[in-house]
C-alpha atoms as a PDB file:
ATOM      1  CA  MET A   1      -0.099 -31.355  26.263  1.00  0.00           C
ATOM      2  CA  LYS A   2       1.938 -29.372  24.352  1.00  0.00           C
ATOM      3  CA  PRO A   3       1.379 -25.446  24.692  1.00  0.00           C
ATOM      4  CA  PRO A   4      -0.502 -23.467  21.693  1.00  0.00           C
ATOM      5  CA  SER A   5       1.877 -22.128  19.354  1.00  0.00           C
ATOM      6  CA  ILE A   6       3.026 -18.479  18.834  1.00  0.00           C
ATOM      7  CA  ALA A   7       1.294 -18.597  15.640  1.00  0.00           C
ATOM      8  CA  LYS A   8      -2.107 -19.449  17.346  1.00  0.00           C
ATOM      9  CA  LEU A   9      -1.695 -17.288  20.352  1.00  0.00           C
ATOM     10  CA  SER A  10      -1.151 -14.210  17.909  1.00  0.00           C
ATOM     11  CA  MET A  11      -4.883 -14.962  16.529  1.00  0.00           C
ATOM     12  CA  ILE A  12      -6.524 -14.338  20.101  1.00  0.00           C
ATOM     13  CA  PRO A  13      -6.958 -10.324  20.970  1.00  0.00           C
ATOM     14  CA  ALA A  14      -5.335  -9.271  24.093  1.00  0.00           C
ATOM     15  CA  LYS A  15      -6.220  -6.196  26.507  1.00  0.00           C
ATOM     16  CA  GLN A  16      -3.716  -3.927  26.552  1.00  0.00           C
ATOM     17  CA  SER A  17      -3.095  -4.167  30.431  1.00  0.00           C
ATOM     18  CA  GLU A  18      -2.461  -7.576  29.831  1.00  0.00           C
ATOM     19  CA  ALA A  19       1.384  -6.282  28.432  1.00  0.00           C
ATOM     20  CA  GLY A  20       3.904  -6.561  30.573  1.00  0.00           C
ATOM     21  CA  PRO A  21       7.606  -8.225  31.577  1.00  0.00           C
ATOM     22  CA  LYS A  22       5.731 -11.250  33.139  1.00  0.00           C
ATOM     23  CA  ARG A  23       3.474 -11.952  30.083  1.00  0.00           C
ATOM     24  CA  GLU A  24       5.126 -14.915  28.759  1.00  0.00           C
ATOM     25  CA  LEU A  25       4.766 -13.731  25.116  1.00  0.00           C
ATOM     26  CA  CYS A  26       6.487 -10.322  25.992  1.00  0.00           C
ATOM     27  CA  GLN A  27       9.331 -12.456  27.669  1.00  0.00           C
ATOM     28  CA  ARG A  28      10.348 -14.200  24.509  1.00  0.00           C
ATOM     29  CA  CYS A  29      10.137 -10.642  22.284  1.00  0.00           C
ATOM     30  CA  ALA A  30      12.033  -9.107  24.936  1.00  0.00           C
ATOM     31  CA  LEU A  31      12.364  -5.648  23.197  1.00  0.00           C
ATOM     32  CA  HIS A  32      11.070  -4.174  26.244  1.00  0.00           C
ATOM     33  CA  GLU A  33      14.532  -4.834  28.123  1.00  0.00           C
ATOM     34  CA  THR A  34      16.014  -2.448  25.890  1.00  0.00           C
ATOM     35  CA  CYS A  35      13.630   0.408  24.959  1.00  0.00           C
ATOM     36  CA  GLU A  36      12.654   3.374  26.969  1.00  0.00           C
ATOM     37  CA  GLN A  37       9.214   3.776  26.027  1.00  0.00           C
ATOM     38  CA  LYS A  38       7.443   0.412  26.989  1.00  0.00           C
ATOM     39  CA  PHE A  39       3.840  -1.222  26.073  1.00  0.00           C
ATOM     40  CA  VAL A  40       2.709   2.028  24.804  1.00  0.00           C
ATOM     41  CA  ARG A  41      -0.797   1.917  24.234  1.00  0.00           C
ATOM     42  CA  PRO A  42      -2.826   3.569  21.255  1.00  0.00           C
ATOM     43  CA  PHE A  43      -3.655   6.859  20.129  1.00  0.00           C
ATOM     44  CA  ILE A  44      -7.311   7.283  19.893  1.00  0.00           C
ATOM     45  CA  PRO A  45      -8.774  10.716  20.116  1.00  0.00           C
ATOM     46  CA  GLU A  46     -11.257  11.601  22.690  1.00  0.00           C
ATOM     47  CA  ARG A  47     -13.983  11.941  20.133  1.00  0.00           C
ATOM     48  CA  TRP A  48     -13.031   9.629  17.217  1.00  0.00           C
ATOM     49  CA  SER A  49     -15.076   9.529  14.669  1.00  0.00           C
ATOM     50  CA  GLY A  50     -13.861   5.905  13.686  1.00  0.00           C
ATOM     51  CA  LYS A  51     -12.971   6.953  10.114  1.00  0.00           C
ATOM     52  CA  LEU A  52      -9.458   5.554  10.007  1.00  0.00           C
ATOM     53  CA  LEU A  53      -6.672   3.728  12.076  1.00  0.00           C
ATOM     54  CA  LEU A  54      -3.134   3.550  11.108  1.00  0.00           C
ATOM     55  CA  VAL A  55      -1.197   1.247  11.983  1.00  0.00           C
ATOM     56  CA  LEU A  56       2.321   2.013  12.183  1.00  0.00           C
ATOM     57  CA  GLU A  57       5.464   0.079  12.931  1.00  0.00           C
ATOM     58  CA  GLY A  58       6.762   0.799  16.110  1.00  0.00           C
ATOM     59  CA  ALA A  59       6.309   3.430  19.398  1.00  0.00           C
ATOM     60  CA  ALA A  60       9.712   5.065  19.626  1.00  0.00           C
ATOM     61  CA  GLU A  61       8.611   8.603  19.220  1.00  0.00           C
ATOM     62  CA  ALA A  62       5.668   7.831  21.741  1.00  0.00           C
ATOM     63  CA  SER A  63       7.661   9.931  24.218  1.00  0.00           C
ATOM     64  CA  VAL A  64       6.719  13.090  22.142  1.00  0.00           C
ATOM     65  CA  GLY A  65       3.791  11.440  20.296  1.00  0.00           C
ATOM     66  CA  PRO A  66       3.455  10.024  16.966  1.00  0.00           C
ATOM     67  CA  TRP A  67       3.188  13.598  15.003  1.00  0.00           C
ATOM     68  CA  ALA A  68       6.425  14.427  16.048  1.00  0.00           C
ATOM     69  CA  GLY A  69       9.634  15.005  13.860  1.00  0.00           C
ATOM     70  CA  ASP A  70      10.000  15.191  10.188  1.00  0.00           C
ATOM     71  CA  GLU A  71       8.139  11.936   9.304  1.00  0.00           C
ATOM     72  CA  GLY A  72       5.014  12.854  11.901  1.00  0.00           C
ATOM     73  CA  ARG A  73       4.581  16.394  10.220  1.00  0.00           C
ATOM     74  CA  LEU A  74       4.801  15.116   6.724  1.00  0.00           C
ATOM     75  CA  LEU A  75       1.870  12.371   7.815  1.00  0.00           C
ATOM     76  CA  ARG A  76      -0.175  14.791   9.310  1.00  0.00           C
ATOM     77  CA  ARG A  77       0.135  16.902   6.256  1.00  0.00           C
ATOM     78  CA  LEU A  78      -0.506  14.252   4.048  1.00  0.00           C
ATOM     79  CA  LEU A  79      -3.775  13.244   6.262  1.00  0.00           C
ATOM     80  CA  LYS A  80      -5.140  16.853   6.021  1.00  0.00           C
ATOM     81  CA  GLN A  81      -4.649  16.925   2.385  1.00  0.00           C
ATOM     82  CA  ALA A  82      -6.554  13.609   1.848  1.00  0.00           C
ATOM     83  CA  GLY A  83      -9.550  15.299   4.068  1.00  0.00           C
ATOM     84  CA  TYR A  84      -8.822  13.996   7.487  1.00  0.00           C
ATOM     85  CA  GLN A  85      -9.656  15.876  10.584  1.00  0.00           C
ATOM     86  CA  SER A  86      -7.631  15.323  13.867  1.00  0.00           C
ATOM     87  CA  GLY A  87     -10.656  13.519  15.466  1.00  0.00           C
ATOM     88  CA  ASP A  88     -10.739  11.157  12.283  1.00  0.00           C
ATOM     89  CA  VAL A  89      -7.353   9.421  12.547  1.00  0.00           C
ATOM     90  CA  GLY A  90      -6.093   6.801  15.489  1.00  0.00           C
ATOM     91  CA  ILE A  91      -2.917   5.350  15.777  1.00  0.00           C
ATOM     92  CA  VAL A  92      -2.068   1.816  17.217  1.00  0.00           C
ATOM     93  CA  PHE A  93       1.694   0.334  16.932  1.00  0.00           C
ATOM     94  CA  ALA A  94       2.254  -3.052  15.424  1.00  0.00           C
ATOM     95  CA  LEU A  95       5.077  -2.965  18.380  1.00  0.00           C
ATOM     96  CA  ARG A  96       4.374  -1.481  21.620  1.00  0.00           C
ATOM     97  CA  CYS A  97       8.179  -1.471  22.348  1.00  0.00           C
ATOM     98  CA  ALA A  98      10.404  -0.255  19.640  1.00  0.00           C
ATOM     99  CA  PRO A  99      13.797   1.188  20.400  1.00  0.00           C
ATOM    100  CA  ALA A 100      14.767   4.234  18.205  1.00  0.00           C
ATOM    101  CA  PRO A 101      17.857   3.573  15.967  1.00  0.00           C
ATOM    102  CA  HIS A 102      19.970   5.874  17.509  1.00  0.00           C
ATOM    103  CA  GLU A 103      19.917   7.718  20.958  1.00  0.00           C
ATOM    104  CA  VAL A 104      19.179  11.261  20.452  1.00  0.00           C
ATOM    105  CA  LYS A 105      18.055  13.727  21.833  1.00  0.00           C
ATOM    106  CA  GLY A 106      14.961  16.354  20.540  1.00  0.00           C
ATOM    107  CA  ASP A 107      12.196  15.447  17.909  1.00  0.00           C
ATOM    108  CA  ARG A 108      14.405  16.073  14.749  1.00  0.00           C
ATOM    109  CA  PRO A 109      17.367  13.264  15.176  1.00  0.00           C
ATOM    110  CA  PRO A 110      20.037  14.090  12.584  1.00  0.00           C
ATOM    111  CA  ARG A 111      20.000  12.820   9.185  1.00  0.00           C
ATOM    112  CA  TRP A 112      22.787  10.373   9.656  1.00  0.00           C
ATOM    113  CA  ALA A 113      20.370   8.788  12.568  1.00  0.00           C
ATOM    114  CA  ARG A 114      17.171   8.794  10.027  1.00  0.00           C
ATOM    115  CA  ASP A 115      19.216   7.033   7.519  1.00  0.00           C
ATOM    116  CA  GLU A 116      20.442   4.122   9.235  1.00  0.00           C
ATOM    117  CA  PRO A 117      17.861   1.833   9.607  1.00  0.00           C
ATOM    118  CA  ARG A 118      16.492  -0.578  12.730  1.00  0.00           C
ATOM    119  CA  LYS A 119      16.948  -4.008  12.629  1.00  0.00           C
ATOM    120  CA  ARG A 120      14.084  -5.975  10.931  1.00  0.00           C
ATOM    121  CA  PRO A 121      11.605  -7.229  13.970  1.00  0.00           C
ATOM    122  CA  SER A 122      11.243 -10.981  13.906  1.00  0.00           C
ATOM    123  CA  MET A 123       8.039 -12.672  13.149  1.00  0.00           C
ATOM    124  CA  LEU A 124       8.088 -13.824  16.773  1.00  0.00           C
ATOM    125  CA  GLN A 125       8.153 -10.112  17.908  1.00  0.00           C
ATOM    126  CA  VAL A 126       5.236  -9.167  15.512  1.00  0.00           C
ATOM    127  CA  ARG A 127       3.121 -11.698  16.626  1.00  0.00           C
ATOM    128  CA  ALA A 128       3.920 -11.179  20.389  1.00  0.00           C
ATOM    129  CA  CYS A 129       2.380  -7.675  19.973  1.00  0.00           C
ATOM    130  CA  ARG A 130      -0.419  -8.568  17.769  1.00  0.00           C
ATOM    131  CA  PRO A 131      -3.005  -9.837  19.743  1.00  0.00           C
ATOM    132  CA  PHE A 132      -3.133  -5.960  21.031  1.00  0.00           C
ATOM    133  CA  VAL A 133      -3.579  -4.780  17.518  1.00  0.00           C
ATOM    134  CA  LEU A 134      -6.556  -7.040  16.890  1.00  0.00           C
ATOM    135  CA  LYS A 135      -8.101  -6.021  20.380  1.00  0.00           C
ATOM    136  CA  THR A 136      -7.827  -2.498  19.284  1.00  0.00           C
ATOM    137  CA  ILE A 137      -9.283  -2.784  15.887  1.00  0.00           C
ATOM    138  CA  GLU A 138     -12.080  -5.218  17.287  1.00  0.00           C
ATOM    139  CA  TYR A 139     -13.182  -2.916  20.109  1.00  0.00           C
ATOM    140  CA  PHE A 140     -12.802   0.284  18.388  1.00  0.00           C
ATOM    141  CA  ASN A 141     -14.097  -0.947  14.819  1.00  0.00           C
ATOM    142  CA  PRO A 142     -12.644   1.485  12.362  1.00  0.00           C
ATOM    143  CA  LYS A 143     -14.177   1.891   9.007  1.00  0.00           C
ATOM    144  CA  THR A 144     -10.533   1.532   7.389  1.00  0.00           C
ATOM    145  CA  VAL A 145      -6.970   0.781   8.498  1.00  0.00           C
ATOM    146  CA  ILE A 146      -3.989   1.534   6.314  1.00  0.00           C
ATOM    147  CA  ALA A 147      -1.074  -0.484   7.609  1.00  0.00           C
ATOM    148  CA  PHE A 148       2.504   1.701   7.440  1.00  0.00           C
ATOM    149  CA  GLY A 149       4.981  -0.426   6.211  1.00  0.00           C
ATOM    150  CA  ASP A 150       6.263  -4.201   6.192  1.00  0.00           C
ATOM    151  CA  THR A 151       6.010  -4.697   9.683  1.00  0.00           C
ATOM    152  CA  ALA A 152       2.679  -3.068  10.063  1.00  0.00           C
ATOM    153  CA  VAL A 153       1.501  -5.452   6.870  1.00  0.00           C
ATOM    154  CA  ARG A 154       2.848  -8.509   8.471  1.00  0.00           C
ATOM    155  CA  SER A 155       1.001  -7.584  11.671  1.00  0.00           C
ATOM    156  CA  ILE A 156      -2.397  -7.555   9.757  1.00  0.00           C
ATOM    157  CA  LEU A 157      -1.687 -10.728   7.879  1.00  0.00           C
ATOM    158  CA  ASN A 158      -0.254 -12.435  10.565  1.00  0.00           C
ATOM    159  CA  LYS A 159       2.757 -13.899   8.221  1.00  0.00           C
ATOM    160  CA  THR A 160       5.474 -12.623   5.942  1.00  0.00           C
ATOM    161  CA  ALA A 161       4.204 -10.170   3.408  1.00  0.00           C
ATOM    162  CA  PRO A 162       5.157  -9.787  -0.036  1.00  0.00           C
ATOM    163  CA  ALA A 163       7.044  -6.434  -1.291  1.00  0.00           C
ATOM    164  CA  LEU A 164       4.756  -3.451  -0.695  1.00  0.00           C
ATOM    165  CA  VAL A 165       4.462  -2.589  -4.397  1.00  0.00           C
ATOM    166  CA  HIS A 166       2.605  -5.921  -4.921  1.00  0.00           C
ATOM    167  CA  LEU A 167       0.115  -4.806  -2.223  1.00  0.00           C
ATOM    168  CA  ARG A 168      -0.814  -1.215  -2.956  1.00  0.00           C
ATOM    169  CA  GLY A 169      -4.308  -0.587  -3.923  1.00  0.00           C
ATOM    170  CA  ARG A 170      -5.451  -4.101  -3.002  1.00  0.00           C
ATOM    171  CA  LYS A 171      -8.041  -4.874  -0.348  1.00  0.00           C
ATOM    172  CA  LEU A 172      -6.551  -6.709   2.738  1.00  0.00           C
ATOM    173  CA  SER A 173      -8.115  -8.083   5.880  1.00  0.00           C
ATOM    174  CA  VAL A 174      -7.160  -8.578   9.354  1.00  0.00           C
ATOM    175  CA  ALA A 175      -6.483 -12.423   9.798  1.00  0.00           C
ATOM    176  CA  GLY A 176      -7.988 -14.017  12.377  1.00  0.00           C
ATOM    177  CA  LEU A 177     -11.075 -11.076  12.885  1.00  0.00           C
ATOM    178  CA  ASP A 178     -14.846 -11.801  11.169  1.00  0.00           C
ATOM    179  CA  PRO A 179     -15.831  -9.702   9.966  1.00  0.00           C
ATOM    180  CA  SER A 180     -12.815  -7.748   9.336  1.00  0.00           C
ATOM    181  CA  PRO A 181     -12.230  -3.575   8.344  1.00  0.00           C
ATOM    182  CA  VAL A 182     -10.843  -2.711   4.955  1.00  0.00           C
ATOM    183  CA  VAL A 183      -7.284  -2.651   5.082  1.00  0.00           C
ATOM    184  CA  TYR A 184      -4.885  -0.915   2.728  1.00  0.00           C
ATOM    185  CA  ALA A 185      -1.025  -1.083   2.618  1.00  0.00           C
ATOM    186  CA  THR A 186       1.317   1.943   2.409  1.00  0.00           C
ATOM    187  CA  TYR A 187       5.085   2.413   3.111  1.00  0.00           C
ATOM    188  CA  ASP A 188       5.942   3.661   6.231  1.00  0.00           C
ATOM    189  CA  MET A 189       7.293   7.160   6.813  1.00  0.00           C
ATOM    190  CA  ALA A 190      10.652   6.223   7.707  1.00  0.00           C
ATOM    191  CA  THR A 191      11.062   4.672   3.991  1.00  0.00           C
ATOM    192  CA  VAL A 192       9.607   8.083   2.283  1.00  0.00           C
ATOM    193  CA  PHE A 193      12.374   9.788   4.104  1.00  0.00           C
ATOM    194  CA  GLY A 194      15.215   7.583   2.805  1.00  0.00           C
ATOM    195  CA  GLU A 195      17.594   8.595  -0.139  1.00  0.00           C
ATOM    196  CA  ASN A 196      15.958   8.926  -3.179  1.00  0.00           C
ATOM    197  CA  ASN A 197      12.563   7.950  -1.730  1.00  0.00           C
ATOM    198  CA  ALA A 198      10.957  11.763  -1.958  1.00  0.00           C
ATOM    199  CA  HIS A 199       8.549  10.363  -4.900  1.00  0.00           C
ATOM    200  CA  LEU A 200       7.153   8.059  -2.658  1.00  0.00           C
ATOM    201  CA  ARG A 201       5.300  10.575  -0.851  1.00  0.00           C
ATOM    202  CA  ASP A 202       2.872  10.934  -3.334  1.00  0.00           C
ATOM    203  CA  ALA A 203       1.936   7.278  -3.283  1.00  0.00           C
ATOM    204  CA  VAL A 204       1.538   7.453   0.394  1.00  0.00           C
ATOM    205  CA  SER A 205      -0.792  10.396  -0.419  1.00  0.00           C
ATOM    206  CA  GLN A 206      -2.617   8.203  -2.749  1.00  0.00           C
ATOM    207  CA  ASP A 207      -3.126   5.316  -0.161  1.00  0.00           C
ATOM    208  CA  LEU A 208      -4.864   7.764   2.032  1.00  0.00           C
ATOM    209  CA  GLU A 209      -7.291   9.115  -0.310  1.00  0.00           C
ATOM    210  CA  ARG A 210      -8.232   5.658  -1.761  1.00  0.00           C
ATOM    211  CA  PRO A 211     -10.726   4.678   0.934  1.00  0.00           C
ATOM    212  CA  GLY A 212     -12.616   7.934  -0.413  1.00  0.00           C
ATOM    213  CA  TRP A 213     -12.607   6.457  -3.664  1.00  0.00           C
ATOM    214  CA  GLN A 214     -15.841   4.760  -5.189  1.00  0.00           C
ATOM    215  CA  PRO A 215     -15.662   1.444  -6.827  1.00  0.00           C
ATOM    216  CA  LEU A 216     -15.929   0.838 -10.322  1.00  0.00           C
ATOM    217  CA  GLY A 217     -18.320  -1.414 -12.042  1.00  0.00           C
ATOM    218  CA  VAL A 218     -17.367  -4.505 -13.906  1.00  0.00           C
ATOM    219  CA  PRO A 219     -16.080  -3.593 -17.121  1.00  0.00           C
ATOM    220  CA  ALA A 220     -18.097  -4.576 -20.281  1.00  0.00           C
ATOM    221  CA  VAL A 221     -16.102  -7.073 -22.531  1.00  0.00           C
ATOM    222  CA  GLN A 222     -15.475  -4.636 -25.460  1.00  0.00           C
ATOM    223  CA  PHE A 223     -12.623  -2.496 -26.936  1.00  0.00           C
ATOM    224  CA  PRO A 224     -12.402   0.670 -25.096  1.00  0.00           C
ATOM    225  CA  ASN A 225     -12.856   4.035 -26.895  1.00  0.00           C
ATOM    226  CA  GLU A 226     -11.365   6.755 -24.007  1.00  0.00           C
ATOM    227  CA  ASP A 227      -8.368   8.728 -24.845  1.00  0.00           C
ATOM    228  CA  VAL A 228      -6.149   7.054 -22.245  1.00  0.00           C
ATOM    229  CA  VAL A 229      -6.155   3.412 -22.247  1.00  0.00           C
ATOM    230  CA  ALA A 230      -4.518   0.475 -20.377  1.00  0.00           C
ATOM    231  CA  ILE A 231      -2.530  -1.888 -22.009  1.00  0.00           C
ATOM    232  CA  ASP A 232      -0.816  -5.400 -21.069  1.00  0.00           C
ATOM    233  CA  THR A 233       0.820  -7.798 -22.964  1.00  0.00           C
ATOM    234  CA  GLU A 234       1.768 -11.567 -22.022  1.00  0.00           C
ATOM    235  CA  TYR A 235       4.234 -13.691 -23.382  1.00  0.00           C
ATOM    236  CA  VAL A 236       6.655 -16.609 -23.171  1.00  0.00           C
ATOM    237  CA  GLY A 237      10.145 -15.572 -24.099  1.00  0.00           C
ATOM    238  CA  ASP A 238       9.876 -13.668 -27.464  1.00  0.00           C
ATOM    239  CA  LYS A 239       6.420 -15.070 -28.110  1.00  0.00           C
ATOM    240  CA  LEU A 240       3.861 -12.925 -28.194  1.00  0.00           C
ATOM    241  CA  LEU A 241       0.744 -14.543 -26.387  1.00  0.00           C
ATOM    242  CA  THR A 242      -2.122 -12.022 -25.456  1.00  0.00           C
ATOM    243  CA  ILE A 243      -2.687  -8.343 -25.724  1.00  0.00           C
ATOM    244  CA  GLY A 244      -5.329  -6.568 -23.518  1.00  0.00           C
ATOM    245  CA  LEU A 245      -6.749  -3.299 -23.381  1.00  0.00           C
ATOM    246  CA  ALA A 246      -8.846  -1.478 -21.070  1.00  0.00           C
ATOM    247  CA  ASP A 247     -10.371   1.900 -19.861  1.00  0.00           C
ATOM    248  CA  LEU A 248     -12.503   2.550 -17.011  1.00  0.00           C
ATOM    249  CA  LYS A 249     -15.684   1.227 -18.586  1.00  0.00           C
ATOM    250  CA  HIS A 250     -14.087  -1.433 -21.184  1.00  0.00           C
ATOM    251  CA  ALA A 251     -11.618  -3.972 -20.973  1.00  0.00           C
ATOM    252  CA  LYS A 252     -10.641  -6.995 -23.519  1.00  0.00           C
ATOM    253  CA  ALA A 253      -7.997  -9.482 -24.167  1.00  0.00           C
ATOM    254  CA  VAL A 254      -7.027 -10.863 -27.411  1.00  0.00           C
ATOM    255  CA  ASP A 255      -4.998 -13.958 -27.919  1.00  0.00           C
ATOM    256  CA  VAL A 256      -2.724 -13.371 -30.705  1.00  0.00           C
ATOM    257  CA  ALA A 257      -3.570 -16.557 -32.335  1.00  0.00           C
ATOM    258  CA  ASP A 258      -7.022 -15.855 -32.811  1.00  0.00           C
ATOM    259  CA  THR A 259      -6.576 -14.055 -36.237  1.00  0.00           C
ATOM    260  CA  LYS A 260     -10.496 -12.569 -36.521  1.00  0.00           C
ATOM    261  CA  GLU A 261      -9.869 -10.686 -33.036  1.00  0.00           C
ATOM    262  CA  PHE A 262      -6.419  -9.963 -33.675  1.00  0.00           C
ATOM    263  CA  VAL A 263      -6.942  -8.265 -36.838  1.00  0.00           C
ATOM    264  CA  GLU A 264      -9.954  -6.331 -35.009  1.00  0.00           C
ATOM    265  CA  LEU A 265      -7.698  -5.302 -32.310  1.00  0.00           C
ATOM    266  CA  VAL A 266      -5.012  -3.894 -35.052  1.00  0.00           C
ATOM    267  CA  GLU A 267      -7.790  -1.912 -36.558  1.00  0.00           C
ATOM    268  CA  ARG A 268      -8.534  -0.259 -33.206  1.00  0.00           C
ATOM    269  CA  ILE A 269      -4.713   0.396 -32.293  1.00  0.00           C
ATOM    270  CA  LYS A 270      -4.585   1.848 -35.821  1.00  0.00           C
ATOM    271  CA  GLU A 271      -7.379   4.374 -34.776  1.00  0.00           C
ATOM    272  CA  PRO A 272      -6.713   7.846 -33.676  1.00  0.00           C
ATOM    273  CA  PHE A 273      -8.385   7.657 -30.324  1.00  0.00           C
ATOM    274  CA  LEU A 274      -5.807   5.093 -29.352  1.00  0.00           C
ATOM    275  CA  THR A 275      -2.734   7.196 -30.265  1.00  0.00           C
ATOM    276  CA  LYS A 276      -3.033   9.584 -27.641  1.00  0.00           C
ATOM    277  CA  THR A 277      -1.672   7.864 -24.074  1.00  0.00           C
ATOM    278  CA  LEU A 278      -1.127   4.671 -23.160  1.00  0.00           C
ATOM    279  CA  LEU A 279      -0.282   3.125 -19.748  1.00  0.00           C
ATOM    280  CA  GLY A 280       0.599   0.188 -18.085  1.00  0.00           C
ATOM    281  CA  HIS A 281       2.788  -1.554 -15.129  1.00  0.00           C
ATOM    282  CA  ALA A 282       5.463  -2.584 -17.752  1.00  0.00           C
ATOM    283  CA  ILE A 283       5.065   0.076 -20.335  1.00  0.00           C
ATOM    284  CA  GLU A 284       8.602  -0.520 -22.277  1.00  0.00           C
ATOM    285  CA  GLY A 285       8.004  -4.338 -22.736  1.00  0.00           C
ATOM    286  CA  ASP A 286       4.370  -3.484 -23.967  1.00  0.00           C
ATOM    287  CA  VAL A 287       5.508  -0.783 -26.472  1.00  0.00           C
ATOM    288  CA  ASP A 288       8.126  -2.930 -27.609  1.00  0.00           C
ATOM    289  CA  HIS A 289       5.674  -5.556 -28.730  1.00  0.00           C
ATOM    290  CA  LEU A 290       3.501  -3.055 -30.102  1.00  0.00           C
ATOM    291  CA  VAL A 291       6.598  -1.774 -32.433  1.00  0.00           C
ATOM    292  CA  ALA A 292       7.279  -5.107 -33.259  1.00  0.00           C
ATOM    293  CA  LEU A 293       4.033  -5.738 -34.707  1.00  0.00           C
ATOM    294  CA  GLY A 294       4.428  -2.870 -36.633  1.00  0.00           C
ATOM    295  CA  LEU A 295       2.032  -0.855 -34.584  1.00  0.00           C
ATOM    296  CA  GLY A 296       4.486   1.487 -32.449  1.00  0.00           C
ATOM    297  CA  ARG A 297       3.870   5.160 -32.555  1.00  0.00           C
ATOM    298  CA  GLU A 298       6.845   7.603 -31.651  1.00  0.00           C
ATOM    299  CA  GLU A 299       5.025   9.313 -28.803  1.00  0.00           C
ATOM    300  CA  TRP A 300       4.799   5.898 -27.064  1.00  0.00           C
ATOM    301  CA  VAL A 301       8.407   4.961 -27.656  1.00  0.00           C
ATOM    302  CA  THR A 302       9.687   8.315 -26.279  1.00  0.00           C
ATOM    303  CA  GLY A 303       7.587   8.132 -23.193  1.00  0.00           C
ATOM    304  CA  GLU A 304       5.533  11.465 -24.331  1.00  0.00           C
ATOM    305  CA  ARG A 305       1.978   9.510 -24.316  1.00  0.00           C
ATOM    306  CA  ALA A 306       3.050   6.256 -22.622  1.00  0.00           C
ATOM    307  CA  GLY A 307       3.935   5.562 -18.764  1.00  0.00           C
ATOM    308  CA  ASP A 308       3.496   3.517 -15.636  1.00  0.00           C
ATOM    309  CA  PRO A 309       0.567   5.102 -13.242  1.00  0.00           C
ATOM    310  CA  ARG A 310       2.308   3.339 -10.312  1.00  0.00           C
ATOM    311  CA  ASP A 311       5.246   5.658 -10.983  1.00  0.00           C
ATOM    312  CA  ALA A 312       4.488   8.633  -8.738  1.00  0.00           C
ATOM    313  CA  SER A 313       7.361  10.744 -10.222  1.00  0.00           C
ATOM    314  CA  ALA A 314       7.012  14.178 -11.830  1.00  0.00           C
ATOM    315  CA  ARG A 315       8.431  12.858 -15.217  1.00  0.00           C
ATOM    316  CA  GLN A 316       5.341  10.930 -15.957  1.00  0.00           C
ATOM    317  CA  PRO A 317       2.709  12.744 -18.385  1.00  0.00           C
ATOM    318  CA  ALA A 318      -0.074  14.448 -16.749  1.00  0.00           C
ATOM    319  CA  ASP A 319      -2.815  12.225 -18.125  1.00  0.00           C
ATOM    320  CA  VAL A 320      -0.935   9.491 -17.288  1.00  0.00           C
ATOM    321  CA  ARG A 321      -0.886  10.733 -13.564  1.00  0.00           C
ATOM    322  CA  ALA A 322      -4.363  11.964 -13.408  1.00  0.00           C
ATOM    323  CA  VAL A 323      -5.698   8.228 -14.885  1.00  0.00           C
ATOM    324  CA  GLY A 324      -3.487   6.246 -13.263  1.00  0.00           C
ATOM    325  CA  ARG A 325      -4.819   7.463  -9.807  1.00  0.00           C
ATOM    326  CA  ALA A 326      -8.320   6.407 -10.704  1.00  0.00           C
ATOM    327  CA  VAL A 327      -7.207   3.020 -12.606  1.00  0.00           C
ATOM    328  CA  GLU A 328      -4.652   1.603 -10.494  1.00  0.00           C
ATOM    329  CA  GLY A 329      -6.246   2.654  -6.975  1.00  0.00           C
ATOM    330  CA  ALA A 330      -9.936   2.429  -7.526  1.00  0.00           C
ATOM    331  CA  ASP A 331     -11.621  -0.960  -6.129  1.00  0.00           C
ATOM    332  CA  THR A 332     -13.092  -2.816  -8.778  1.00  0.00           C
ATOM    333  CA  GLU A 333     -16.426  -4.584  -7.746  1.00  0.00           C
ATOM    334  CA  ASP A 334     -15.804  -8.381  -7.818  1.00  0.00           C
ATOM    335  CA  PRO A 335     -18.510  -9.869 -10.384  1.00  0.00           C
ATOM    336  CA  ARG A 336     -18.621 -13.107  -8.571  1.00  0.00           C
END
């Protein structure tokens, strides 16, 4: 009889004590053969409130604790800013055996060591450790789980994951657990400390605050009337097909071929309240299409009153950043 595949075995929770060099999946992973800190257990506060469980990539800094180094200190600060106390946050590692990229002394490796990335763990290695992640979530039953980085997200989903930019803000679930806690994805702290990535700190901060955000209701199907309006255009080649507008309570998309509704849309865009601020996930292209229709505004073209809410840089207009935090990250109730 053919033995079960590692993909199937990775769906079965396993006790932390089962890890070891004699375990078949640990032998196939083999990370324990090259790291000093082997089979590291989760960090769960003694009187844990169960509010939040973080899934981090690996246990490279387990000897000095998950809060050590620049990355750990920043993570602790962001958690505090998001309103979490020390007894609210537990940690489990996607990889219980994770060698550091360099052998260094002290809790703060030099910049050259931090900038050189680790080798990306294989899916086999992620799945070999996944049963321990499942058991931790199943046993402690956290209210919310946040997966930090690609390796942690692959562990949660049990498959190769899309880029994080496509996963942030979406409610994910733990493959193999029913019921599953709410799961969100964010950037790992090593990426945040990468060159030119300082702006990602705001993104991680958003994601840590996300569990406390209130869900939005299903928007009414009508043109928006707020000061800040999201826009989205769909097109094939140079041909514009639809234009959609939305605020926090209203949303409507118009087929350009529908003359009556398109005329109404044009009149709406001409109204003063829609000239204040636009936001969108591809705002430059959206504004280009409005300009081509003769509906452009100088403040949209220059970016003074237009922006992408997912861009956490300080260059964004203040009102785009503020509303973007609500629109891009809020949980929307599914009308189904």
